[in-house]
Amino acid sequence: MNIFKKRKEEIKEIIDYKNHEGCMATDRIMIEGWKVGYMYRDEPSEIFPDSGWRFFKGDENEDYSNNPKNYKIYQLNTIRDYDEAIIPYLYMPVGTYLIRTKDNKFVVDDGSQEIFMTK
């Protein structure tokens, strides 16, 4: 039984991240089908193929986020297929924190706007 929103055959390979294609996404995106509402780029791991990107719906609290059962590691191409709106931002530098706005664009999270959450 497939618990994910999309089947493996539906994922297109487009993004080339030169062996740093890994990222983390919560089950709210991958299983429940929500779009990315909050994303940030952490320092990539030097021992794993990690881009440093972390993707959230946007309302995950600390308890949810600290539970490793609620997120998994994926390839950036997979997340991109779930939410193409993230594509223009994927080459932004480490330390980038972005939220989705009502117009389906991402802006730097300066704490002045609410995260727009949508399926």
C-alpha atoms as a PDB file:
ATOM      1  CA  MET A   1       0.000   0.000   0.000  1.00  0.00           C
ATOM      2  CA  ASN A   2       1.355   3.427  -1.010  1.00  0.00           C
ATOM      3  CA  ILE A   3       1.068   5.910   1.863  1.00  0.00           C
ATOM      4  CA  PHE A   4       2.597   8.787  -0.089  1.00  0.00           C
ATOM      5  CA  LYS A   5       0.585  11.389  -1.963  1.00  0.00           C
ATOM      6  CA  LYS A   6       2.410  10.554  -5.237  1.00  0.00           C
ATOM      7  CA  ARG A   7       3.652   7.271  -6.695  1.00  0.00           C
ATOM      8  CA  LYS A   8       7.356   6.879  -7.539  1.00  0.00           C
ATOM      9  CA  GLU A   9       6.519   6.744 -11.262  1.00  0.00           C
ATOM     10  CA  GLU A  10       5.041  10.249 -11.027  1.00  0.00           C
ATOM     11  CA  ILE A  11       8.322  11.853  -9.883  1.00  0.00           C
ATOM     12  CA  LYS A  12      10.350  13.648 -12.584  1.00  0.00           C
ATOM     13  CA  GLU A  13      14.114  14.057 -12.339  1.00  0.00           C
ATOM     14  CA  ILE A  14      15.010  17.681 -13.117  1.00  0.00           C
ATOM     15  CA  ILE A  15      17.105  19.334 -10.418  1.00  0.00           C
ATOM     16  CA  ASP A  16      20.858  18.690 -10.546  1.00  0.00           C
ATOM     17  CA  TYR A  17      22.405  19.353  -7.163  1.00  0.00           C
ATOM     18  CA  LYS A  18      25.738  17.606  -7.806  1.00  0.00           C
ATOM     19  CA  ASN A  19      25.421  14.805  -5.246  1.00  0.00           C
ATOM     20  CA  HIS A  20      23.829  17.080  -2.656  1.00  0.00           C
ATOM     21  CA  GLU A  21      20.249  16.298  -3.557  1.00  0.00           C
ATOM     22  CA  GLY A  22      18.981  15.163  -0.143  1.00  0.00           C
ATOM     23  CA  CYS A  23      16.499  17.169   1.905  1.00  0.00           C
ATOM     24  CA  MET A  24      14.062  16.714   4.762  1.00  0.00           C
ATOM     25  CA  ALA A  25      10.270  17.022   4.478  1.00  0.00           C
ATOM     26  CA  THR A  26       7.505  16.404   6.980  1.00  0.00           C
ATOM     27  CA  ASP A  27       4.701  13.904   6.557  1.00  0.00           C
ATOM     28  CA  ARG A  28       2.262  16.801   6.337  1.00  0.00           C
ATOM     29  CA  ILE A  29       3.668  17.443   2.864  1.00  0.00           C
ATOM     30  CA  MET A  30       4.566  13.959   1.692  1.00  0.00           C
ATOM     31  CA  ILE A  31       1.665  11.941   3.089  1.00  0.00           C
ATOM     32  CA  GLU A  32      -1.115  14.432   3.854  1.00  0.00           C
ATOM     33  CA  GLY A  33      -0.540  16.357   0.603  1.00  0.00           C
ATOM     34  CA  TRP A  34      -0.060  19.919   1.877  1.00  0.00           C
ATOM     35  CA  LYS A  35       2.099  22.344  -0.116  1.00  0.00           C
ATOM     36  CA  VAL A  36       5.336  23.663   1.371  1.00  0.00           C
ATOM     37  CA  GLY A  37       4.494  26.650   3.587  1.00  0.00           C
ATOM     38  CA  TYR A  38       7.860  27.078   5.290  1.00  0.00           C
ATOM     39  CA  MET A  39      11.297  26.136   4.040  1.00  0.00           C
ATOM     40  CA  TYR A  40      14.803  26.851   5.204  1.00  0.00           C
ATOM     41  CA  ARG A  41      18.303  25.913   4.190  1.00  0.00           C
ATOM     42  CA  ASP A  42      20.585  24.603   6.890  1.00  0.00           C
ATOM     43  CA  GLU A  43      24.270  23.805   6.583  1.00  0.00           C
ATOM     44  CA  PRO A  44      24.452  20.603   4.464  1.00  0.00           C
ATOM     45  CA  SER A  45      25.898  17.460   5.967  1.00  0.00           C
ATOM     46  CA  GLU A  46      29.424  16.700   4.838  1.00  0.00           C
ATOM     47  CA  ILE A  47      28.947  12.940   5.115  1.00  0.00           C
ATOM     48  CA  PHE A  48      25.503  12.563   3.492  1.00  0.00           C
ATOM     49  CA  PRO A  49      24.185  13.796   0.121  1.00  0.00           C
ATOM     50  CA  ASP A  50      22.402  16.703   1.787  1.00  0.00           C
ATOM     51  CA  SER A  51      21.331  20.014   0.200  1.00  0.00           C
ATOM     52  CA  GLY A  52      20.498  21.479   3.611  1.00  0.00           C
ATOM     53  CA  TRP A  53      16.870  22.185   2.633  1.00  0.00           C
ATOM     54  CA  ARG A  54      14.113  21.469   5.177  1.00  0.00           C
ATOM     55  CA  PHE A  55      10.428  21.619   4.149  1.00  0.00           C
ATOM     56  CA  PHE A  56       7.353  22.057   6.360  1.00  0.00           C
ATOM     57  CA  LYS A  57       3.655  22.722   5.952  1.00  0.00           C
ATOM     58  CA  GLY A  58       4.166  25.617   8.333  1.00  0.00           C
ATOM     59  CA  ASP A  59       2.138  24.776  11.422  1.00  0.00           C
ATOM     60  CA  GLU A  60       4.230  21.913  12.801  1.00  0.00           C
ATOM     61  CA  ASN A  61       4.894  22.620  16.458  1.00  0.00           C
ATOM     62  CA  GLU A  62       8.088  21.792  18.340  1.00  0.00           C
ATOM     63  CA  ASP A  63       6.822  18.396  19.563  1.00  0.00           C
ATOM     64  CA  TYR A  64       5.870  17.374  16.015  1.00  0.00           C
ATOM     65  CA  SER A  65       9.141  18.627  14.540  1.00  0.00           C
ATOM     66  CA  ASN A  66      11.294  16.929  17.184  1.00  0.00           C
ATOM     67  CA  ASN A  67       9.737  13.520  16.491  1.00  0.00           C
ATOM     68  CA  PRO A  68      11.791  11.767  13.764  1.00  0.00           C
ATOM     69  CA  LYS A  69       8.737   9.654  12.863  1.00  0.00           C
ATOM     70  CA  ASN A  70       7.133  12.778  11.373  1.00  0.00           C
ATOM     71  CA  TYR A  71       9.697  13.482   8.655  1.00  0.00           C
ATOM     72  CA  LYS A  72      11.944  11.637   6.251  1.00  0.00           C
ATOM     73  CA  ILE A  73      14.872  12.313   3.921  1.00  0.00           C
ATOM     74  CA  TYR A  74      14.003  12.683   0.213  1.00  0.00           C
ATOM     75  CA  GLN A  75      15.602  13.846  -3.002  1.00  0.00           C
ATOM     76  CA  LEU A  76      14.954  17.476  -3.937  1.00  0.00           C
ATOM     77  CA  ASN A  77      13.389  16.279  -7.188  1.00  0.00           C
ATOM     78  CA  THR A  78      10.725  14.475  -5.199  1.00  0.00           C
ATOM     79  CA  ILE A  79       9.793  17.551  -3.166  1.00  0.00           C
ATOM     80  CA  ARG A  80       9.863  19.665  -6.319  1.00  0.00           C
ATOM     81  CA  ASP A  81       7.315  17.308  -7.857  1.00  0.00           C
ATOM     82  CA  TYR A  82       5.050  17.741  -4.854  1.00  0.00           C
ATOM     83  CA  ASP A  83       5.308  21.526  -4.993  1.00  0.00           C
ATOM     84  CA  GLU A  84       6.805  23.212  -8.071  1.00  0.00           C
ATOM     85  CA  ALA A  85       6.557  26.658  -6.438  1.00  0.00           C
ATOM     86  CA  ILE A  86       9.802  25.920  -4.571  1.00  0.00           C
ATOM     87  CA  ILE A  87      11.916  25.650  -7.750  1.00  0.00           C
ATOM     88  CA  PRO A  88      13.056  29.311  -8.065  1.00  0.00           C
ATOM     89  CA  TYR A  89      14.386  29.267  -4.503  1.00  0.00           C
ATOM     90  CA  LEU A  90      16.377  26.023  -4.387  1.00  0.00           C
ATOM     91  CA  TYR A  91      19.742  27.602  -5.174  1.00  0.00           C
ATOM     92  CA  MET A  92      19.469  30.203  -2.413  1.00  0.00           C
ATOM     93  CA  PRO A  93      22.280  30.165   0.170  1.00  0.00           C
ATOM     94  CA  VAL A  94      22.532  28.448   3.534  1.00  0.00           C
ATOM     95  CA  GLY A  95      20.705  30.528   6.143  1.00  0.00           C
ATOM     96  CA  THR A  96      17.702  31.247   3.898  1.00  0.00           C
ATOM     97  CA  TYR A  97      14.300  31.063   5.657  1.00  0.00           C
ATOM     98  CA  LEU A  98      11.221  31.411   3.429  1.00  0.00           C
ATOM     99  CA  ILE A  99       7.450  31.387   3.888  1.00  0.00           C
ATOM    100  CA  ARG A 100       4.674  30.990   1.317  1.00  0.00           C
ATOM    101  CA  THR A 101       2.411  34.002   0.868  1.00  0.00           C
ATOM    102  CA  LYS A 102      -1.178  34.185  -0.416  1.00  0.00           C
ATOM    103  CA  ASP A 103       0.063  34.771  -3.977  1.00  0.00           C
ATOM    104  CA  ASN A 104       1.907  31.402  -3.951  1.00  0.00           C
ATOM    105  CA  LYS A 105       5.329  33.036  -3.853  1.00  0.00           C
ATOM    106  CA  PHE A 106       7.941  32.650  -1.172  1.00  0.00           C
ATOM    107  CA  VAL A 107       9.416  35.582   0.737  1.00  0.00           C
ATOM    108  CA  VAL A 108      12.103  35.841   3.381  1.00  0.00           C
ATOM    109  CA  ASP A 109      10.598  35.088   6.775  1.00  0.00           C
ATOM    110  CA  ASP A 110      11.041  38.284   8.767  1.00  0.00           C
ATOM    111  CA  GLY A 111       8.183  37.473  11.161  1.00  0.00           C
ATOM    112  CA  SER A 112       5.867  40.109   9.702  1.00  0.00           C
ATOM    113  CA  GLN A 113       3.655  37.809   7.608  1.00  0.00           C
ATOM    114  CA  GLU A 114       1.659  34.692   8.273  1.00  0.00           C
ATOM    115  CA  ILE A 115       2.415  31.480   6.441  1.00  0.00           C
ATOM    116  CA  PHE A 116      -0.113  30.641   3.749  1.00  0.00           C
ATOM    117  CA  MET A 117      -0.980  26.935   3.939  1.00  0.00           C
ATOM    118  CA  THR A 118      -2.750  25.173   1.088  1.00  0.00           C
ATOM    119  CA  LYS A 119      -3.244  21.786  -0.505  1.00  0.00           C
END
